[in-house]
């Protein structure tokens, strides 16, 4: 993958640091000229600092929005809803729950209920085109999961490989893998009690720009002595080279395996991780693997919320948003 020089621009005013990265991609550009009225030609990806968990807001060129996960309990009220207000997002079109771990779905009911935390009032953040999750193939039986189901029930749709989300102006997101089923037809049979293996992998593309995110998708590591399936390597074969990797499982040693990283060759890697978390995330071995492929690393525990913006060629990263 060809790389150009990286330029660091620091603004000594009220603006946040901007890190512009301009890199030609190996895959052909889509036609970016066919913009409809009202499209601003910018795709924004806001990786929110929500503590130990995940919460990412995508705003397409047409204003269509995807919220991927919501973070742990309390993050919906304290982090996600204020971000929606700040970005003047009046409507969530889709919510995607990558999988059912509490640090990804606990805040989703808070977000749907809105600022007053009452369902059925005018400030609700209902996903108007649906809440996408991996369906009922789970042994989860926690109070968090039950509350999620109760609030999400009217909006739920089960994700399928190849499911397509049109963000306008040629920008789109597609499900690459879910429940061990890949969009090229391959299937990996999962451990029935391993939630992370079944996570949704989503590829976001706009022109020459590619961003991949997959919740806690596993790479074959063995946390606590339990061997997980390598879901990443097949994913990497399908996805190919990308610009930005949303690092799996908060930088856990059981994700971002070496073969996967060699396949996707990310220029930058963003890690959603809590400060001084109990899991030791991100693992030193994972950071080493990312450094080995030359990825620049951005961490919410060190940099806060970050916003990635692109017009389909190159991208900027603003930190402490």
Protein backbone atom coordinates (compact mmCIF):
# COMPACT_ATOMS: atom_id res chain seq x y z
CA UNK A 1 0.00 0.00 0.00
CA UNK A 2 1.45 3.33 -1.06
CA UNK A 3 1.71 5.93 1.67
CA UNK A 4 2.24 9.66 1.45
CA UNK A 5 3.79 11.87 4.06
CA UNK A 6 1.71 12.62 7.13
CA UNK A 7 1.36 16.26 8.22
CA UNK A 8 0.58 17.31 11.78
CA UNK A 9 -1.29 20.62 12.09
CA UNK A 10 -1.71 22.01 15.60
CA UNK A 11 -4.14 24.85 16.16
CA UNK A 12 -3.30 27.01 19.20
CA UNK A 13 -6.82 28.33 19.56
CA UNK A 14 -10.18 26.91 20.40
CA UNK A 15 -9.87 24.36 17.59
CA UNK A 16 -8.88 20.76 18.35
CA UNK A 17 -5.75 19.19 16.84
CA UNK A 18 -6.25 18.04 13.28
CA UNK A 19 -4.23 15.21 11.82
CA UNK A 20 -4.70 15.13 8.05
CA UNK A 21 -3.71 11.92 6.31
CA UNK A 22 -3.80 11.71 2.55
CA UNK A 23 -3.27 8.25 1.16
CA UNK A 24 -4.16 6.77 -2.22
CA UNK A 25 -5.98 3.45 -1.89
CA UNK A 26 -5.53 0.27 -3.89
CA UNK A 27 -9.20 -0.06 -4.79
CA UNK A 28 -10.92 2.11 -7.46
CA UNK A 29 -12.74 5.27 -6.48
CA UNK A 30 -16.46 5.47 -6.82
CA UNK A 31 -18.00 8.37 -8.73
CA UNK A 32 -18.14 11.19 -6.18
CA UNK A 33 -19.61 13.72 -8.61
CA UNK A 34 -23.22 12.56 -8.38
CA UNK A 35 -24.18 14.45 -5.22
CA UNK A 36 -27.81 15.22 -4.63
CA UNK A 37 -28.89 18.55 -3.24
CA UNK A 38 -28.23 18.80 0.49
CA UNK A 39 -25.30 16.38 0.56
CA UNK A 40 -22.14 17.91 2.00
CA UNK A 41 -19.74 15.38 0.41
CA UNK A 42 -18.27 14.52 3.83
CA UNK A 43 -18.47 11.23 5.69
CA UNK A 44 -17.87 11.61 9.43
CA UNK A 45 -17.08 8.84 11.90
CA UNK A 46 -17.09 9.86 15.56
CA UNK A 47 -15.44 7.34 17.87
CA UNK A 48 -16.76 8.42 21.26
CA UNK A 49 -14.84 8.32 24.50
CA UNK A 50 -17.44 6.32 26.44
CA UNK A 51 -15.12 4.53 28.85
CA UNK A 52 -14.53 0.78 28.68
CA UNK A 53 -16.82 -0.11 25.81
CA UNK A 54 -17.71 0.98 22.30
CA UNK A 55 -19.86 3.70 20.78
CA UNK A 56 -19.41 5.07 17.26
CA UNK A 57 -21.55 7.53 15.32
CA UNK A 58 -21.41 7.60 11.52
CA UNK A 59 -22.86 10.57 9.60
CA UNK A 60 -23.07 10.10 5.84
CA UNK A 61 -22.85 12.76 3.12
CA UNK A 62 -26.66 12.83 2.88
CA UNK A 63 -27.08 13.15 6.65
CA UNK A 64 -28.06 9.52 7.16
CA UNK A 65 -26.74 8.17 10.43
CA UNK A 66 -25.62 4.87 11.95
CA UNK A 67 -24.92 4.44 15.65
CA UNK A 68 -22.76 1.37 16.27
CA UNK A 69 -23.14 0.23 19.88
CA UNK A 70 -23.71 2.61 22.77
CA UNK A 71 -21.27 1.71 25.50
CA UNK A 72 -21.76 0.73 29.14
CA UNK A 73 -24.60 1.83 31.41
CA UNK A 74 -24.67 5.60 31.82
CA UNK A 75 -22.72 6.33 28.64
CA UNK A 76 -25.89 6.93 26.66
CA UNK A 77 -26.90 9.83 28.90
CA UNK A 78 -23.45 11.21 29.63
CA UNK A 79 -21.72 10.74 26.26
CA UNK A 80 -23.84 9.62 23.32
CA UNK A 81 -26.88 11.88 23.63
CA UNK A 82 -24.70 15.01 24.15
CA UNK A 83 -22.69 14.01 21.06
CA UNK A 84 -25.90 13.75 19.01
CA UNK A 85 -26.91 17.22 20.20
CA UNK A 86 -23.49 18.70 19.51
CA UNK A 87 -23.43 17.25 15.99
CA UNK A 88 -27.04 18.43 15.44
CA UNK A 89 -28.17 14.91 14.67
CA UNK A 90 -31.94 15.07 14.81
CA UNK A 91 -32.55 11.50 13.70
CA UNK A 92 -30.83 8.13 14.01
CA UNK A 93 -31.54 6.07 10.91
CA UNK A 94 -29.96 2.84 12.10
CA UNK A 95 -28.58 1.50 15.34
CA UNK A 96 -26.30 -1.52 15.03
CA UNK A 97 -25.56 -3.65 18.08
CA UNK A 98 -22.35 -5.49 17.18
CA UNK A 99 -23.03 -8.16 19.82
CA UNK A 100 -24.66 -8.46 23.23
CA UNK A 101 -21.90 -7.77 25.75
CA UNK A 102 -22.91 -5.16 28.32
CA UNK A 103 -20.17 -2.68 27.40
CA UNK A 104 -21.68 -2.46 23.92
CA UNK A 105 -25.46 -2.57 24.47
CA UNK A 106 -26.17 -1.31 28.01
CA UNK A 107 -26.56 2.31 26.87
CA UNK A 108 -28.73 1.57 23.81
CA UNK A 109 -32.02 1.71 25.80
CA UNK A 110 -30.88 5.04 27.31
CA UNK A 111 -30.24 6.43 23.84
CA UNK A 112 -33.57 5.33 22.43
CA UNK A 113 -35.44 6.85 25.40
CA UNK A 114 -33.74 10.23 24.87
CA UNK A 115 -32.85 12.98 27.29
CA UNK A 116 -35.92 12.60 29.52
CA UNK A 117 -35.40 8.80 29.75
CA UNK A 118 -39.09 8.23 29.04
CA UNK A 119 -40.08 6.04 26.14
CA UNK A 120 -42.77 7.43 23.87
CA UNK A 121 -41.95 11.12 24.21
CA UNK A 122 -40.83 13.54 21.52
CA UNK A 123 -37.14 13.41 22.45
CA UNK A 124 -36.87 9.65 21.77
CA UNK A 125 -33.96 8.62 19.53
CA UNK A 126 -35.80 5.86 17.71
CA UNK A 127 -33.83 4.22 14.85
CA UNK A 128 -36.21 5.10 12.04
CA UNK A 129 -34.87 2.47 9.60
CA UNK A 130 -34.24 -0.20 12.19
CA UNK A 131 -32.09 -1.59 14.97
CA UNK A 132 -29.80 -4.24 13.53
CA UNK A 133 -28.37 -7.00 15.71
CA UNK A 134 -27.29 -10.60 15.33
CA UNK A 135 -30.67 -12.10 16.15
CA UNK A 136 -31.62 -14.60 18.81
CA UNK A 137 -28.73 -17.06 18.42
CA UNK A 138 -27.34 -16.41 21.88
CA UNK A 139 -27.31 -17.88 25.35
CA UNK A 140 -27.33 -14.42 26.93
CA UNK A 141 -29.78 -14.19 29.80
CA UNK A 142 -28.58 -11.16 31.71
CA UNK A 143 -30.73 -8.30 32.99
CA UNK A 144 -28.86 -6.00 30.59
CA UNK A 145 -29.76 -8.17 27.61
CA UNK A 146 -33.39 -8.46 28.73
CA UNK A 147 -33.73 -4.68 29.04
CA UNK A 148 -32.14 -4.28 25.62
CA UNK A 149 -34.66 -6.71 24.11
CA UNK A 150 -37.58 -4.96 25.78
CA UNK A 151 -36.68 -1.54 24.39
CA UNK A 152 -35.32 -2.74 21.04
CA UNK A 153 -38.14 -5.16 20.18
CA UNK A 154 -40.23 -2.85 17.93
CA UNK A 155 -37.22 -1.92 15.81
CA UNK A 156 -35.14 -5.12 15.59
CA UNK A 157 -33.94 -6.67 12.34
CA UNK A 158 -31.48 -9.54 12.16
CA UNK A 159 -28.22 -8.78 10.37
CA UNK A 160 -27.23 -10.89 7.39
CA UNK A 161 -23.99 -11.06 5.41
CA UNK A 162 -24.06 -8.50 2.63
CA UNK A 163 -26.68 -6.30 4.30
CA UNK A 164 -26.24 -2.83 2.81
CA UNK A 165 -26.68 0.61 4.39
CA UNK A 166 -26.77 3.55 1.97
CA UNK A 167 -25.28 6.69 3.52
CA UNK A 168 -25.69 8.84 0.41
CA UNK A 169 -23.31 10.22 -2.18
CA UNK A 170 -21.76 6.81 -2.81
CA UNK A 171 -20.92 6.20 0.86
CA UNK A 172 -22.19 2.95 2.30
CA UNK A 173 -21.66 0.30 4.96
CA UNK A 174 -21.96 -3.44 4.46
CA UNK A 175 -22.08 -6.43 6.80
CA UNK A 176 -19.06 -8.63 6.07
CA UNK A 177 -19.61 -11.23 8.79
CA UNK A 178 -22.19 -12.06 11.45
CA UNK A 179 -22.78 -15.25 13.45
CA UNK A 180 -19.85 -16.86 11.67
CA UNK A 181 -21.41 -16.35 8.22
CA UNK A 182 -19.41 -14.36 5.68
CA UNK A 183 -20.64 -12.38 2.69
CA UNK A 184 -18.65 -14.61 0.30
CA UNK A 185 -20.55 -17.67 1.53
CA UNK A 186 -17.97 -19.11 3.89
CA UNK A 187 -19.12 -20.32 7.31
CA UNK A 188 -17.23 -20.91 10.54
CA UNK A 189 -19.04 -22.92 13.20
CA UNK A 190 -18.85 -21.03 16.47
CA UNK A 191 -18.48 -21.98 20.10
CA UNK A 192 -22.09 -21.73 21.35
CA UNK A 193 -21.17 -19.75 24.47
CA UNK A 194 -18.64 -17.37 22.89
CA UNK A 195 -20.45 -14.09 22.23
CA UNK A 196 -17.48 -12.29 20.70
CA UNK A 197 -17.05 -14.79 17.87
CA UNK A 198 -20.54 -13.97 16.57
CA UNK A 199 -20.04 -10.18 16.34
CA UNK A 200 -21.08 -8.15 13.31
CA UNK A 201 -18.20 -6.97 11.12
CA UNK A 202 -19.02 -3.79 9.17
CA UNK A 203 -17.06 -2.29 6.29
CA UNK A 204 -17.65 1.42 5.63
CA UNK A 205 -16.61 2.73 2.21
CA UNK A 206 -16.64 6.11 0.53
CA UNK A 207 -14.68 6.55 -2.69
CA UNK A 208 -11.12 5.44 -1.94
CA UNK A 209 -11.71 5.38 1.82
CA UNK A 210 -12.29 2.18 3.81
CA UNK A 211 -12.99 1.77 7.53
CA UNK A 212 -13.60 -1.55 9.26
CA UNK A 213 -15.20 -2.20 12.64
CA UNK A 214 -16.29 -5.49 14.22
CA UNK A 215 -17.07 -5.12 17.90
CA UNK A 216 -15.18 -7.81 19.84
CA UNK A 217 -14.65 -10.18 16.91
CA UNK A 218 -12.04 -12.77 17.83
CA UNK A 219 -8.72 -13.55 16.21
CA UNK A 220 -8.02 -16.97 17.69
CA UNK A 221 -6.48 -15.88 20.97
CA UNK A 222 -7.01 -17.73 24.23
CA UNK A 223 -7.98 -15.34 27.02
CA UNK A 224 -8.17 -17.16 30.35
CA UNK A 225 -7.05 -20.36 28.65
CA UNK A 226 -10.18 -20.57 26.47
CA UNK A 227 -9.31 -20.84 22.79
CA UNK A 228 -11.44 -18.60 20.54
CA UNK A 229 -12.09 -19.12 16.84
CA UNK A 230 -10.08 -17.09 14.35
CA UNK A 231 -12.86 -15.04 12.78
CA UNK A 232 -10.53 -12.25 11.68
CA UNK A 233 -8.36 -13.96 9.08
CA UNK A 234 -11.27 -14.84 6.78
CA UNK A 235 -12.61 -11.33 7.32
CA UNK A 236 -9.28 -9.86 6.27
CA UNK A 237 -9.28 -11.87 3.04
CA UNK A 238 -12.65 -10.36 2.14
CA UNK A 239 -11.99 -6.79 3.27
CA UNK A 240 -8.46 -6.31 1.92
CA UNK A 241 -6.45 -3.14 2.52
CA UNK A 242 -8.17 -0.46 4.58
CA UNK A 243 -7.43 3.05 5.73
CA UNK A 244 -8.63 2.81 9.32
CA UNK A 245 -9.20 -0.16 11.60
CA UNK A 246 -11.45 0.16 14.61
CA UNK A 247 -9.41 -2.26 16.69
CA UNK A 248 -11.36 -5.30 17.85
CA UNK A 249 -12.19 -5.97 21.50
CA UNK A 250 -10.61 -2.74 22.80
CA UNK A 251 -7.12 -3.95 21.90
CA UNK A 252 -7.44 -7.34 23.60
CA UNK A 253 -4.69 -9.88 22.95
CA UNK A 254 -7.35 -12.22 21.54
CA UNK A 255 -8.08 -9.91 18.59
CA UNK A 256 -6.11 -8.15 15.83
CA UNK A 257 -4.04 -11.21 15.01
CA UNK A 258 -0.91 -10.89 12.90
CA UNK A 259 -2.32 -12.54 9.76
CA UNK A 260 -5.42 -10.33 9.80
CA UNK A 261 -3.31 -7.19 10.14
CA UNK A 262 -1.04 -8.31 7.30
CA UNK A 263 -4.12 -8.68 5.11
CA UNK A 264 -5.80 -5.36 5.91
CA UNK A 265 -2.64 -3.20 6.37
CA UNK A 266 -4.36 -0.31 8.21
CA UNK A 267 -2.71 3.10 8.02
CA UNK A 268 -4.39 4.09 11.28
CA UNK A 269 -5.94 2.16 14.16
CA UNK A 270 -8.45 3.58 16.65
CA UNK A 271 -8.98 1.89 20.01
CA UNK A 272 -12.05 2.51 22.15
CA UNK A 273 -10.88 1.74 25.65
CA UNK A 274 -11.44 2.93 29.21
CA UNK A 275 -8.80 4.59 31.34
CA UNK A 276 -7.16 2.27 33.89
CA UNK A 277 -9.55 -0.54 32.95
CA UNK A 278 -9.50 -3.88 34.78
CA UNK A 279 -8.71 -5.91 31.66
CA UNK A 280 -5.31 -4.48 30.78
CA UNK A 281 -6.63 -3.25 27.42
CA UNK A 282 -5.03 -2.54 25.09
CA UNK A 283 -2.61 -5.45 25.41
CA UNK A 284 1.07 -4.73 24.80
CA UNK A 285 1.20 -7.60 22.28
CA UNK A 286 -1.65 -6.07 20.28
CA UNK A 287 -0.02 -2.64 20.25
CA UNK A 288 3.18 -4.28 19.04
CA UNK A 289 1.36 -6.02 16.19
CA UNK A 290 -0.25 -2.73 15.14
CA UNK A 291 3.10 -0.96 15.24
CA UNK A 292 4.67 -3.75 13.22
CA UNK A 293 2.33 -3.10 10.27
CA UNK A 294 3.01 0.63 10.55
CA UNK A 295 -0.39 1.73 11.84
CA UNK A 296 -0.66 5.02 13.69
CA UNK A 297 -2.52 4.35 16.93
CA UNK A 298 -5.25 6.56 18.41
CA UNK A 299 -6.77 5.71 21.80
CA UNK A 300 -9.84 7.19 23.44
CA UNK A 301 -8.31 6.73 26.90
CA UNK A 302 -5.44 9.02 25.91
CA UNK A 303 -6.99 11.32 23.30
CA UNK A 304 -10.69 11.39 24.10
CA UNK A 305 -13.38 11.39 21.45
CA UNK A 306 -12.04 11.50 17.90
CA UNK A 307 -13.74 12.44 14.65
CA UNK A 308 -12.65 11.03 11.32
CA UNK A 309 -13.79 12.95 8.25
CA UNK A 310 -13.30 12.17 4.58
CA UNK A 311 -14.57 13.23 1.19
CA UNK A 312 -13.62 9.89 -0.28
CA UNK A 313 -9.91 10.44 -0.68
CA UNK A 314 -7.63 10.81 2.32
CA UNK A 315 -9.01 11.70 5.73
CA UNK A 316 -8.58 13.95 8.75
CA UNK A 317 -8.65 12.90 12.39
CA UNK A 318 -9.61 15.49 14.99
CA UNK A 319 -9.00 14.49 18.59
CA UNK A 320 -10.54 15.68 21.86
CA UNK A 321 -13.81 16.46 20.08
